[in-house]
N, C-alpha and C. Protein backbone atom coordinates (compact mmCIF):
# COMPACT_ATOMS: atom_id res chain seq x y z
N UNK A 1 55.38 -33.78 245.24
CA UNK A 1 56.71 -33.25 245.57
C UNK A 1 57.75 -33.92 244.70
N UNK A 2 58.75 -33.18 244.26
CA UNK A 2 59.81 -33.74 243.43
C UNK A 2 60.77 -34.49 244.33
N UNK A 3 61.09 -35.70 243.97
CA UNK A 3 61.96 -36.52 244.80
C UNK A 3 63.38 -36.50 244.27
N UNK A 4 64.31 -36.87 245.13
CA UNK A 4 65.70 -36.96 244.73
C UNK A 4 65.92 -38.18 243.84
N UNK A 5 66.88 -38.11 242.90
CA UNK A 5 67.16 -39.26 242.06
C UNK A 5 67.76 -40.39 242.88
N UNK A 6 67.63 -41.62 242.38
CA UNK A 6 68.13 -42.76 243.12
C UNK A 6 69.65 -42.71 243.25
N UNK A 7 70.34 -42.23 242.22
CA UNK A 7 71.79 -42.11 242.30
C UNK A 7 72.16 -40.69 241.91
N UNK A 8 72.68 -39.94 242.88
CA UNK A 8 73.00 -38.54 242.63
C UNK A 8 74.24 -38.42 241.76
N UNK A 9 74.21 -37.48 240.84
CA UNK A 9 75.38 -37.23 240.01
C UNK A 9 76.48 -36.62 240.85
N UNK A 10 77.74 -36.84 240.49
CA UNK A 10 78.84 -36.22 241.24
C UNK A 10 78.68 -34.71 241.27
N UNK A 11 79.09 -34.11 242.37
CA UNK A 11 78.95 -32.66 242.53
C UNK A 11 79.67 -31.91 241.41
N UNK A 12 80.83 -32.39 241.01
CA UNK A 12 81.58 -31.71 239.95
C UNK A 12 80.81 -31.72 238.64
N UNK A 13 80.11 -32.81 238.37
CA UNK A 13 79.32 -32.91 237.14
C UNK A 13 78.15 -31.93 237.18
N UNK A 14 77.47 -31.86 238.32
CA UNK A 14 76.40 -30.89 238.48
C UNK A 14 76.91 -29.47 238.23
N UNK A 15 78.03 -29.14 238.88
CA UNK A 15 78.57 -27.78 238.79
C UNK A 15 78.99 -27.45 237.37
N UNK A 16 79.64 -28.40 236.69
CA UNK A 16 80.09 -28.17 235.33
C UNK A 16 78.91 -27.97 234.38
N UNK A 17 77.93 -28.84 234.47
CA UNK A 17 76.75 -28.71 233.61
C UNK A 17 76.01 -27.40 233.88
N UNK A 18 75.83 -27.09 235.15
CA UNK A 18 75.09 -25.90 235.54
C UNK A 18 75.78 -24.64 235.02
N UNK A 19 77.10 -24.56 235.24
CA UNK A 19 77.85 -23.39 234.80
C UNK A 19 77.81 -23.25 233.28
N UNK A 20 77.98 -24.36 232.57
CA UNK A 20 77.99 -24.32 231.11
C UNK A 20 76.64 -23.86 230.56
N UNK A 21 75.55 -24.37 231.14
CA UNK A 21 74.22 -24.00 230.66
C UNK A 21 73.91 -22.53 230.94
N UNK A 22 74.26 -22.06 232.13
CA UNK A 22 73.98 -20.66 232.48
C UNK A 22 74.80 -19.72 231.60
N UNK A 23 76.08 -20.03 231.40
CA UNK A 23 76.92 -19.18 230.56
C UNK A 23 76.42 -19.19 229.12
N UNK A 24 76.05 -20.38 228.62
CA UNK A 24 75.54 -20.47 227.25
C UNK A 24 74.24 -19.67 227.11
N UNK A 25 73.34 -19.83 228.08
CA UNK A 25 72.06 -19.11 228.03
C UNK A 25 72.30 -17.60 228.09
N UNK A 26 73.25 -17.17 228.90
CA UNK A 26 73.55 -15.74 228.99
C UNK A 26 74.12 -15.22 227.67
N UNK A 27 74.94 -16.05 227.00
CA UNK A 27 75.48 -15.65 225.70
C UNK A 27 74.38 -15.52 224.66
N UNK A 28 73.44 -16.46 224.66
CA UNK A 28 72.32 -16.40 223.72
C UNK A 28 71.49 -15.14 223.96
N UNK A 29 71.21 -14.85 225.22
CA UNK A 29 70.43 -13.66 225.54
C UNK A 29 71.21 -12.39 225.27
N UNK A 30 72.52 -12.46 225.42
CA UNK A 30 73.36 -11.33 225.05
C UNK A 30 73.28 -11.03 223.56
N UNK A 31 73.19 -12.09 222.75
CA UNK A 31 73.04 -11.92 221.31
C UNK A 31 71.70 -11.27 220.98
N UNK A 32 70.63 -11.73 221.64
CA UNK A 32 69.32 -11.12 221.44
C UNK A 32 69.34 -9.65 221.86
N UNK A 33 70.04 -9.37 222.96
CA UNK A 33 70.13 -7.98 223.44
C UNK A 33 70.90 -7.13 222.44
N UNK A 34 71.93 -7.71 221.85
CA UNK A 34 72.71 -6.99 220.83
C UNK A 34 71.86 -6.67 219.62
N UNK A 35 70.93 -7.59 219.27
CA UNK A 35 70.03 -7.36 218.15
C UNK A 35 69.02 -6.26 218.43
N UNK A 36 68.82 -5.97 219.72
CA UNK A 36 67.93 -4.88 220.09
C UNK A 36 66.88 -5.30 221.08
N UNK A 37 66.64 -4.46 222.11
CA UNK A 37 65.60 -4.75 223.09
C UNK A 37 64.24 -4.45 222.48
N UNK A 38 63.22 -4.97 223.10
CA UNK A 38 61.86 -4.85 222.56
C UNK A 38 60.95 -4.33 223.65
N UNK A 39 60.05 -3.43 223.29
CA UNK A 39 59.08 -2.93 224.26
C UNK A 39 57.68 -3.11 223.70
N UNK A 40 56.71 -3.11 224.57
CA UNK A 40 55.31 -3.23 224.18
C UNK A 40 54.51 -2.25 225.03
N UNK A 41 53.21 -2.23 224.82
CA UNK A 41 52.36 -1.29 225.57
C UNK A 41 52.50 -1.54 227.07
N UNK A 42 52.50 -2.82 227.48
CA UNK A 42 52.68 -3.12 228.89
C UNK A 42 53.99 -2.56 229.42
N UNK A 43 55.05 -2.67 228.60
CA UNK A 43 56.35 -2.16 229.02
C UNK A 43 56.29 -0.68 229.35
N UNK A 44 55.61 0.08 228.51
CA UNK A 44 55.52 1.53 228.70
C UNK A 44 54.88 1.84 230.05
N UNK A 45 53.83 1.10 230.39
CA UNK A 45 53.15 1.36 231.66
C UNK A 45 54.03 0.97 232.85
N UNK A 46 54.67 -0.19 232.77
CA UNK A 46 55.55 -0.60 233.87
C UNK A 46 56.69 0.41 234.06
N UNK A 47 57.27 0.87 232.96
CA UNK A 47 58.37 1.83 233.06
C UNK A 47 57.89 3.18 233.58
N UNK A 48 56.67 3.57 233.24
CA UNK A 48 56.12 4.83 233.76
C UNK A 48 55.93 4.75 235.28
N UNK A 49 55.41 3.62 235.74
CA UNK A 49 55.24 3.44 237.19
C UNK A 49 56.60 3.48 237.89
N UNK A 50 57.58 2.80 237.29
CA UNK A 50 58.92 2.79 237.88
C UNK A 50 59.50 4.20 237.93
N UNK A 51 59.30 4.96 236.87
CA UNK A 51 59.81 6.34 236.85
C UNK A 51 59.16 7.18 237.95
N UNK A 52 57.87 6.98 238.17
CA UNK A 52 57.18 7.72 239.23
C UNK A 52 57.65 7.28 240.62
N UNK A 53 57.97 6.01 240.76
CA UNK A 53 58.52 5.55 242.03
C UNK A 53 59.85 6.23 242.32
N UNK A 54 60.67 6.38 241.29
CA UNK A 54 61.98 7.02 241.46
C UNK A 54 61.82 8.52 241.70
N UNK A 55 60.98 9.16 240.89
CA UNK A 55 60.89 10.62 240.93
C UNK A 55 59.94 11.16 242.00
N UNK A 56 58.83 10.44 242.23
CA UNK A 56 57.79 10.98 243.11
C UNK A 56 57.45 10.07 244.30
N UNK A 57 58.07 8.91 244.37
CA UNK A 57 57.75 7.94 245.41
C UNK A 57 56.25 7.58 245.38
N UNK A 58 55.70 7.49 244.17
CA UNK A 58 54.28 7.17 244.03
C UNK A 58 54.10 6.07 242.99
N UNK A 59 53.14 5.18 243.26
CA UNK A 59 52.83 4.09 242.33
C UNK A 59 51.71 4.60 241.42
N UNK A 60 52.11 5.20 240.31
CA UNK A 60 51.16 5.93 239.48
C UNK A 60 51.49 5.77 238.00
N UNK A 61 50.44 5.73 237.18
CA UNK A 61 50.60 5.73 235.72
C UNK A 61 50.57 7.14 235.16
N UNK A 62 50.17 8.08 235.98
CA UNK A 62 50.09 9.47 235.57
C UNK A 62 51.50 10.06 235.50
N UNK A 63 51.81 10.79 234.43
CA UNK A 63 53.15 11.34 234.27
C UNK A 63 53.54 12.27 235.41
N UNK A 64 52.56 12.91 236.02
CA UNK A 64 52.85 13.80 237.15
C UNK A 64 53.07 13.03 238.44
N UNK A 65 52.67 11.74 238.44
CA UNK A 65 52.82 10.91 239.63
C UNK A 65 51.82 11.21 240.72
N UNK A 66 50.75 11.94 240.38
CA UNK A 66 49.79 12.38 241.40
C UNK A 66 48.71 11.33 241.64
N UNK A 67 48.22 10.72 240.58
CA UNK A 67 47.08 9.80 240.68
C UNK A 67 47.59 8.37 240.87
N UNK A 68 47.35 7.74 242.01
CA UNK A 68 47.82 6.37 242.23
C UNK A 68 47.04 5.37 241.39
N UNK A 69 47.62 4.21 241.19
CA UNK A 69 46.97 3.17 240.41
C UNK A 69 47.20 1.81 241.05
N UNK A 70 46.24 0.92 240.84
CA UNK A 70 46.41 -0.48 241.23
C UNK A 70 46.21 -1.37 240.00
N UNK A 71 46.36 -0.76 238.81
CA UNK A 71 46.11 -1.48 237.57
C UNK A 71 47.18 -2.51 237.28
N UNK A 72 48.41 -2.23 237.69
CA UNK A 72 49.52 -3.15 237.46
C UNK A 72 50.03 -3.71 238.78
N UNK A 73 50.45 -4.99 238.80
CA UNK A 73 51.02 -5.56 240.03
C UNK A 73 52.33 -4.87 240.38
N UNK A 74 52.71 -4.87 241.65
CA UNK A 74 53.76 -3.96 242.10
C UNK A 74 55.21 -4.40 241.96
N UNK A 75 55.49 -5.71 241.92
CA UNK A 75 56.88 -6.13 242.10
C UNK A 75 57.79 -5.70 240.95
N UNK A 76 57.37 -5.95 239.70
CA UNK A 76 58.26 -5.62 238.58
C UNK A 76 58.58 -4.12 238.52
N UNK A 77 57.58 -3.23 238.63
CA UNK A 77 57.94 -1.80 238.65
C UNK A 77 58.88 -1.45 239.80
N UNK A 78 58.69 -2.09 240.95
CA UNK A 78 59.58 -1.83 242.09
C UNK A 78 61.00 -2.28 241.78
N UNK A 79 61.15 -3.43 241.12
CA UNK A 79 62.47 -3.91 240.73
C UNK A 79 63.12 -2.95 239.73
N UNK A 80 62.33 -2.50 238.76
CA UNK A 80 62.85 -1.55 237.77
C UNK A 80 63.29 -0.26 238.47
N UNK A 81 62.48 0.23 239.40
CA UNK A 81 62.83 1.44 240.14
C UNK A 81 64.13 1.25 240.92
N UNK A 82 64.31 0.07 241.49
CA UNK A 82 65.56 -0.21 242.21
C UNK A 82 66.75 -0.19 241.26
N UNK A 83 66.58 -0.82 240.09
CA UNK A 83 67.66 -0.81 239.09
C UNK A 83 67.98 0.61 238.67
N UNK A 84 66.95 1.42 238.42
CA UNK A 84 67.16 2.79 237.97
C UNK A 84 67.77 3.67 239.05
N UNK A 85 67.50 3.35 240.30
CA UNK A 85 68.11 4.14 241.37
C UNK A 85 69.62 3.94 241.43
N UNK A 86 70.07 2.83 240.84
CA UNK A 86 71.51 2.53 240.82
C UNK A 86 72.14 2.89 239.48
N UNK A 87 71.44 2.50 238.39
CA UNK A 87 72.04 2.62 237.05
C UNK A 87 71.47 3.76 236.23
N UNK A 88 70.56 4.56 236.79
CA UNK A 88 69.92 5.59 235.99
C UNK A 88 68.78 5.00 235.17
N UNK A 89 67.99 5.85 234.56
CA UNK A 89 66.80 5.40 233.83
C UNK A 89 67.18 4.83 232.47
N UNK A 90 67.71 3.62 232.50
CA UNK A 90 68.17 2.94 231.29
C UNK A 90 67.35 1.68 231.07
N UNK A 91 66.66 1.60 229.93
CA UNK A 91 65.92 0.38 229.59
C UNK A 91 66.89 -0.78 229.38
N UNK A 92 68.08 -0.47 228.86
CA UNK A 92 69.07 -1.52 228.64
C UNK A 92 69.45 -2.19 229.96
N UNK A 93 69.56 -1.41 231.03
CA UNK A 93 69.88 -1.99 232.33
C UNK A 93 68.78 -2.93 232.79
N UNK A 94 67.53 -2.57 232.51
CA UNK A 94 66.40 -3.42 232.91
C UNK A 94 66.42 -4.74 232.15
N UNK A 95 66.58 -4.67 230.83
CA UNK A 95 66.56 -5.90 230.04
C UNK A 95 67.82 -6.74 230.28
N UNK A 96 68.92 -6.08 230.67
CA UNK A 96 70.13 -6.84 231.02
C UNK A 96 69.88 -7.68 232.27
N UNK A 97 69.20 -7.10 233.26
CA UNK A 97 68.84 -7.87 234.46
C UNK A 97 67.87 -9.00 234.09
N UNK A 98 66.92 -8.72 233.21
CA UNK A 98 66.02 -9.76 232.73
C UNK A 98 66.78 -10.89 232.06
N UNK A 99 67.80 -10.53 231.28
CA UNK A 99 68.61 -11.54 230.60
C UNK A 99 69.33 -12.44 231.61
N UNK A 100 69.84 -11.83 232.68
CA UNK A 100 70.51 -12.61 233.73
C UNK A 100 69.50 -13.55 234.40
N UNK A 101 68.30 -13.04 234.71
CA UNK A 101 67.26 -13.89 235.31
C UNK A 101 66.90 -15.04 234.38
N UNK A 102 66.83 -14.76 233.08
CA UNK A 102 66.53 -15.80 232.11
C UNK A 102 67.60 -16.87 232.08
N UNK A 103 68.86 -16.46 232.17
CA UNK A 103 69.96 -17.43 232.18
C UNK A 103 69.94 -18.28 233.46
N UNK A 104 69.68 -17.64 234.60
CA UNK A 104 69.58 -18.38 235.86
C UNK A 104 68.41 -19.36 235.83
N UNK A 105 67.35 -18.97 235.14
CA UNK A 105 66.18 -19.85 235.02
C UNK A 105 66.54 -21.12 234.27
N UNK A 106 67.42 -21.01 233.29
CA UNK A 106 67.89 -22.19 232.57
C UNK A 106 68.61 -23.14 233.53
N UNK A 107 69.45 -22.57 234.40
CA UNK A 107 70.15 -23.41 235.38
C UNK A 107 69.20 -24.08 236.34
N UNK A 108 68.19 -23.36 236.81
CA UNK A 108 67.20 -23.94 237.72
C UNK A 108 66.42 -25.06 237.03
N UNK A 109 66.10 -24.85 235.76
CA UNK A 109 65.37 -25.88 235.01
C UNK A 109 66.19 -27.16 234.92
N UNK A 110 67.48 -27.03 234.69
CA UNK A 110 68.37 -28.20 234.68
C UNK A 110 68.34 -28.91 236.03
N UNK A 111 68.42 -28.16 237.11
CA UNK A 111 68.45 -28.76 238.45
C UNK A 111 67.14 -29.47 238.78
N UNK A 112 66.01 -28.86 238.38
CA UNK A 112 64.71 -29.49 238.61
C UNK A 112 64.61 -30.79 237.81
N UNK A 113 65.01 -30.74 236.55
CA UNK A 113 64.95 -31.94 235.71
C UNK A 113 65.89 -33.03 236.21
N UNK A 114 67.02 -32.61 236.78
CA UNK A 114 68.03 -33.60 237.22
C UNK A 114 67.52 -34.46 238.36
N UNK A 115 66.52 -33.97 239.08
CA UNK A 115 65.96 -34.77 240.17
C UNK A 115 65.11 -35.93 239.66
N UNK A 116 64.59 -35.79 238.45
CA UNK A 116 63.68 -36.80 237.91
C UNK A 116 64.28 -37.62 236.78
N UNK A 117 65.19 -37.00 236.03
CA UNK A 117 65.66 -37.63 234.81
C UNK A 117 67.19 -37.74 234.83
N UNK A 118 67.72 -38.40 233.79
CA UNK A 118 69.17 -38.55 233.74
C UNK A 118 69.83 -37.27 233.21
N UNK A 119 71.14 -37.32 233.13
CA UNK A 119 71.90 -36.13 232.78
C UNK A 119 71.56 -35.62 231.38
N UNK A 120 71.44 -36.53 230.42
CA UNK A 120 71.21 -36.13 229.03
C UNK A 120 69.89 -35.38 228.88
N UNK A 121 68.83 -35.92 229.48
CA UNK A 121 67.52 -35.27 229.38
C UNK A 121 67.54 -33.93 230.10
N UNK A 122 68.23 -33.85 231.22
CA UNK A 122 68.29 -32.60 231.98
C UNK A 122 69.03 -31.52 231.19
N UNK A 123 70.12 -31.90 230.56
CA UNK A 123 70.85 -30.94 229.72
C UNK A 123 69.99 -30.51 228.54
N UNK A 124 69.29 -31.46 227.95
CA UNK A 124 68.40 -31.13 226.83
C UNK A 124 67.31 -30.15 227.25
N UNK A 125 66.77 -30.33 228.46
CA UNK A 125 65.76 -29.39 228.97
C UNK A 125 66.35 -27.99 229.10
N UNK A 126 67.55 -27.92 229.64
CA UNK A 126 68.21 -26.63 229.78
C UNK A 126 68.51 -25.98 228.44
N UNK A 127 69.00 -26.78 227.50
CA UNK A 127 69.32 -26.24 226.17
C UNK A 127 68.05 -25.77 225.46
N UNK A 128 66.97 -26.53 225.62
CA UNK A 128 65.71 -26.14 224.99
C UNK A 128 65.25 -24.78 225.48
N UNK A 129 65.36 -24.56 226.79
CA UNK A 129 64.97 -23.27 227.34
C UNK A 129 65.95 -22.18 226.94
N UNK A 130 67.22 -22.51 226.89
CA UNK A 130 68.24 -21.52 226.53
C UNK A 130 68.07 -21.02 225.11
N UNK A 131 67.65 -21.92 224.20
CA UNK A 131 67.56 -21.58 222.78
C UNK A 131 66.15 -21.20 222.34
N UNK A 132 65.15 -21.41 223.20
CA UNK A 132 63.78 -21.12 222.82
C UNK A 132 63.62 -19.68 222.37
N UNK A 133 63.10 -19.44 221.15
CA UNK A 133 63.00 -18.07 220.64
C UNK A 133 62.14 -17.16 221.52
N UNK A 134 60.98 -17.65 221.98
CA UNK A 134 60.10 -16.79 222.78
C UNK A 134 60.69 -16.50 224.15
N UNK A 135 61.28 -17.53 224.79
CA UNK A 135 61.88 -17.27 226.10
C UNK A 135 63.07 -16.32 225.97
N UNK A 136 63.83 -16.44 224.89
CA UNK A 136 64.95 -15.53 224.68
C UNK A 136 64.46 -14.12 224.40
N UNK A 137 63.42 -14.00 223.59
CA UNK A 137 62.89 -12.68 223.25
C UNK A 137 62.37 -11.95 224.49
N UNK A 138 61.60 -12.68 225.32
CA UNK A 138 61.01 -12.02 226.48
C UNK A 138 62.05 -11.66 227.54
N UNK A 139 63.20 -12.33 227.52
CA UNK A 139 64.23 -11.96 228.50
C UNK A 139 64.93 -10.68 228.12
N UNK A 140 64.77 -10.21 226.89
CA UNK A 140 65.35 -8.91 226.53
C UNK A 140 64.23 -7.91 226.29
N UNK A 141 63.16 -8.07 227.05
CA UNK A 141 62.00 -7.21 226.96
C UNK A 141 61.70 -6.64 228.35
N UNK A 142 61.30 -5.40 228.41
CA UNK A 142 60.95 -4.79 229.69
C UNK A 142 59.54 -5.23 230.08
N UNK A 143 59.42 -6.52 230.40
CA UNK A 143 58.14 -7.12 230.74
C UNK A 143 58.33 -7.98 231.99
N UNK A 144 57.21 -8.47 232.53
CA UNK A 144 57.24 -9.23 233.78
C UNK A 144 57.66 -10.70 233.61
N UNK A 145 57.58 -11.20 232.38
CA UNK A 145 57.74 -12.65 232.17
C UNK A 145 59.05 -13.23 232.72
N UNK A 146 60.21 -12.62 232.47
CA UNK A 146 61.45 -13.21 232.99
C UNK A 146 61.46 -13.33 234.52
N UNK A 147 61.04 -12.27 235.21
CA UNK A 147 61.01 -12.30 236.67
C UNK A 147 59.99 -13.32 237.17
N UNK A 148 58.82 -13.31 236.57
CA UNK A 148 57.76 -14.23 236.98
C UNK A 148 58.19 -15.69 236.78
N UNK A 149 58.72 -16.00 235.61
CA UNK A 149 59.14 -17.37 235.32
C UNK A 149 60.25 -17.82 236.26
N UNK A 150 61.19 -16.93 236.53
CA UNK A 150 62.27 -17.26 237.46
C UNK A 150 61.71 -17.59 238.84
N UNK A 151 60.77 -16.81 239.31
CA UNK A 151 60.20 -17.04 240.65
C UNK A 151 59.41 -18.35 240.70
N UNK A 152 58.67 -18.66 239.64
CA UNK A 152 57.90 -19.92 239.61
C UNK A 152 58.83 -21.12 239.61
N UNK A 153 59.87 -21.09 238.78
CA UNK A 153 60.81 -22.21 238.74
C UNK A 153 61.59 -22.30 240.05
N UNK A 154 61.91 -21.15 240.65
CA UNK A 154 62.57 -21.16 241.96
C UNK A 154 61.66 -21.79 243.02
N UNK A 155 60.36 -21.53 242.93
CA UNK A 155 59.41 -22.14 243.87
C UNK A 155 59.38 -23.66 243.69
N UNK A 156 59.36 -24.12 242.44
CA UNK A 156 59.36 -25.56 242.17
C UNK A 156 60.64 -26.21 242.69
N UNK A 157 61.77 -25.55 242.44
CA UNK A 157 63.05 -26.08 242.91
C UNK A 157 63.09 -26.14 244.43
N UNK A 158 62.63 -25.08 245.09
CA UNK A 158 62.62 -25.05 246.56
C UNK A 158 61.67 -26.09 247.13
N UNK A 159 60.53 -26.27 246.49
CA UNK A 159 59.57 -27.29 246.90
C UNK A 159 60.21 -28.67 246.84
N UNK A 160 60.89 -28.94 245.74
CA UNK A 160 61.55 -30.24 245.60
C UNK A 160 62.70 -30.43 246.57
N UNK A 161 63.29 -29.32 247.02
CA UNK A 161 64.39 -29.38 247.99
C UNK A 161 63.88 -29.41 249.42
N UNK A 162 62.54 -29.42 249.58
CA UNK A 162 61.88 -29.41 250.89
C UNK A 162 62.18 -28.14 251.67
N UNK A 163 62.47 -27.07 250.94
CA UNK A 163 62.60 -25.74 251.56
C UNK A 163 61.26 -25.04 251.36
N UNK A 164 60.27 -25.46 252.12
CA UNK A 164 58.90 -25.02 251.87
C UNK A 164 58.71 -23.53 252.13
N UNK A 165 59.42 -22.99 253.10
CA UNK A 165 59.32 -21.57 253.38
C UNK A 165 59.83 -20.74 252.21
N UNK A 166 60.92 -21.23 251.57
CA UNK A 166 61.48 -20.51 250.42
C UNK A 166 60.55 -20.64 249.21
N UNK A 167 59.92 -21.80 249.06
CA UNK A 167 58.93 -21.97 248.00
C UNK A 167 57.76 -21.01 248.21
N UNK A 168 57.33 -20.84 249.47
CA UNK A 168 56.26 -19.90 249.76
C UNK A 168 56.64 -18.47 249.45
N UNK A 169 57.87 -18.08 249.79
CA UNK A 169 58.33 -16.73 249.46
C UNK A 169 58.33 -16.52 247.95
N UNK A 170 58.83 -17.50 247.21
CA UNK A 170 58.88 -17.38 245.75
C UNK A 170 57.49 -17.28 245.15
N UNK A 171 56.56 -18.08 245.65
CA UNK A 171 55.18 -18.02 245.15
C UNK A 171 54.53 -16.68 245.48
N UNK A 172 54.77 -16.18 246.68
CA UNK A 172 54.22 -14.88 247.06
C UNK A 172 54.75 -13.76 246.18
N UNK A 173 56.06 -13.77 245.92
CA UNK A 173 56.66 -12.76 245.05
C UNK A 173 56.15 -12.91 243.62
N UNK A 174 55.95 -14.17 243.18
CA UNK A 174 55.40 -14.39 241.84
C UNK A 174 54.00 -13.80 241.72
N UNK A 175 53.20 -13.93 242.78
CA UNK A 175 51.84 -13.36 242.77
C UNK A 175 51.89 -11.84 242.72
N UNK A 176 52.91 -11.24 243.31
CA UNK A 176 53.07 -9.80 243.25
C UNK A 176 53.60 -9.33 241.90
N UNK A 177 54.07 -10.30 241.11
CA UNK A 177 54.54 -9.99 239.76
C UNK A 177 53.45 -10.18 238.73
N UNK A 178 52.75 -11.32 238.83
CA UNK A 178 51.61 -11.63 237.95
C UNK A 178 50.57 -12.36 238.79
N UNK A 179 49.43 -11.77 239.07
CA UNK A 179 48.45 -12.36 239.99
C UNK A 179 47.85 -13.68 239.51
N UNK A 180 48.14 -14.07 238.28
CA UNK A 180 47.55 -15.32 237.78
C UNK A 180 47.99 -16.55 238.56
N UNK A 181 49.01 -16.41 239.42
CA UNK A 181 49.46 -17.54 240.22
C UNK A 181 48.61 -17.72 241.48
N UNK A 182 47.75 -16.78 241.77
CA UNK A 182 46.93 -16.86 242.99
C UNK A 182 46.08 -18.14 243.06
N UNK A 183 45.43 -18.58 241.95
CA UNK A 183 44.68 -19.84 242.03
C UNK A 183 45.55 -21.04 242.40
N UNK A 184 46.82 -21.02 241.99
CA UNK A 184 47.72 -22.12 242.36
C UNK A 184 47.91 -22.18 243.86
N UNK A 185 48.06 -21.02 244.50
CA UNK A 185 48.22 -20.99 245.96
C UNK A 185 46.98 -21.55 246.63
N UNK A 186 45.81 -21.22 246.11
CA UNK A 186 44.57 -21.78 246.64
C UNK A 186 44.52 -23.29 246.47
N UNK A 187 44.94 -23.77 245.32
CA UNK A 187 44.95 -25.22 245.07
C UNK A 187 45.90 -25.92 246.04
N UNK A 188 47.06 -25.32 246.30
CA UNK A 188 48.01 -25.90 247.25
C UNK A 188 47.38 -26.03 248.63
N UNK A 189 46.56 -25.05 249.01
CA UNK A 189 45.89 -25.10 250.31
C UNK A 189 44.91 -26.26 250.39
N UNK A 190 44.38 -26.69 249.23
CA UNK A 190 43.40 -27.78 249.20
C UNK A 190 44.03 -29.15 249.03
N UNK A 191 45.29 -29.21 248.66
CA UNK A 191 45.96 -30.49 248.43
C UNK A 191 45.86 -31.47 249.62
N UNK A 192 46.02 -30.99 250.87
CA UNK A 192 45.96 -31.93 252.00
C UNK A 192 44.61 -32.61 252.18
N UNK A 193 43.58 -32.15 251.47
CA UNK A 193 42.29 -32.83 251.53
C UNK A 193 42.33 -34.17 250.82
N UNK A 194 43.31 -34.36 249.95
CA UNK A 194 43.48 -35.64 249.28
C UNK A 194 44.15 -36.62 250.23
N UNK A 195 43.57 -37.81 250.41
CA UNK A 195 44.13 -38.77 251.38
C UNK A 195 45.62 -39.05 251.17
N UNK A 196 46.03 -39.13 249.92
CA UNK A 196 47.43 -39.46 249.63
C UNK A 196 48.38 -38.36 250.08
N UNK A 197 47.91 -37.12 250.08
CA UNK A 197 48.77 -35.98 250.43
C UNK A 197 48.57 -35.49 251.85
N UNK A 198 47.63 -36.10 252.59
CA UNK A 198 47.32 -35.63 253.93
C UNK A 198 48.52 -35.65 254.87
N UNK A 199 49.42 -36.67 254.78
CA UNK A 199 50.58 -36.65 255.68
C UNK A 199 51.52 -35.47 255.44
N UNK A 200 51.39 -34.82 254.28
CA UNK A 200 52.28 -33.70 253.95
C UNK A 200 51.64 -32.34 254.24
N UNK A 201 50.58 -32.34 255.06
CA UNK A 201 49.81 -31.11 255.24
C UNK A 201 50.65 -29.97 255.80
N UNK A 202 51.64 -30.30 256.63
CA UNK A 202 52.46 -29.23 257.21
C UNK A 202 53.27 -28.50 256.14
N UNK A 203 53.80 -29.25 255.19
CA UNK A 203 54.59 -28.61 254.13
C UNK A 203 53.73 -27.69 253.28
N UNK A 204 52.51 -28.13 252.94
CA UNK A 204 51.61 -27.28 252.17
C UNK A 204 51.17 -26.06 252.99
N UNK A 205 50.95 -26.27 254.27
CA UNK A 205 50.54 -25.16 255.14
C UNK A 205 51.63 -24.10 255.19
N UNK A 206 52.89 -24.53 255.31
CA UNK A 206 54.00 -23.57 255.36
C UNK A 206 54.05 -22.77 254.06
N UNK A 207 53.97 -23.45 252.91
CA UNK A 207 54.04 -22.75 251.63
C UNK A 207 52.92 -21.73 251.48
N UNK A 208 51.71 -22.15 251.82
CA UNK A 208 50.55 -21.27 251.63
C UNK A 208 50.60 -20.09 252.61
N UNK A 209 50.91 -20.36 253.87
CA UNK A 209 50.93 -19.29 254.87
C UNK A 209 52.03 -18.27 254.55
N UNK A 210 53.21 -18.75 254.16
CA UNK A 210 54.31 -17.84 253.82
C UNK A 210 53.96 -17.04 252.57
N UNK A 211 53.39 -17.72 251.56
CA UNK A 211 53.03 -17.01 250.32
C UNK A 211 52.02 -15.91 250.61
N UNK A 212 51.00 -16.22 251.40
CA UNK A 212 49.98 -15.22 251.72
C UNK A 212 50.58 -14.09 252.54
N UNK A 213 51.51 -14.41 253.43
CA UNK A 213 52.16 -13.37 254.24
C UNK A 213 52.97 -12.41 253.36
N UNK A 214 53.61 -12.95 252.33
CA UNK A 214 54.38 -12.10 251.40
C UNK A 214 53.45 -11.18 250.62
N UNK A 215 52.32 -11.75 250.18
CA UNK A 215 51.35 -10.96 249.40
C UNK A 215 50.74 -9.87 250.27
């Protein structure tokens, strides 16, 4: 579990750093978006499922929306469908939301690092994520990575804040975005078998039970 720092930074300092990093990260992603959004084969399938959810209320890769599929995890297409129900079928709207999630992820990374390290290292961690070419590229892509990464970092932040139920919700939603997180949930269920972690069994139980309930 992530512990609190021995001396907490003033609230104003936290707020100032957090706001500056999120705004900077959003500006960087805005620049990438201005250069042009990017799609891949996975993007086409996710967008097709989202279109069928909007048009036919069916989770399908078939253009007619008749044949259901379980080939892709459900959360990202559902989020895209929700965006399209408000903003119309615009890929730009989808990648704009991804860009916002990417910027918020930078802020969460700073907060997670601030619990373990000093201000300089925490800001450096945030700047590294804000400027990382691959993280910036994927945030302006109609792909699952921005949503998935945001949910994983949110789970880590909630875990460190001892909000175990919220960490469980985030992990469950992450599994609905990319199932590769499922082994992590299983590992969390086994952690209390370690003598050192046995006193924390209730916290692990809450995270695992909530995550499984979400899934």
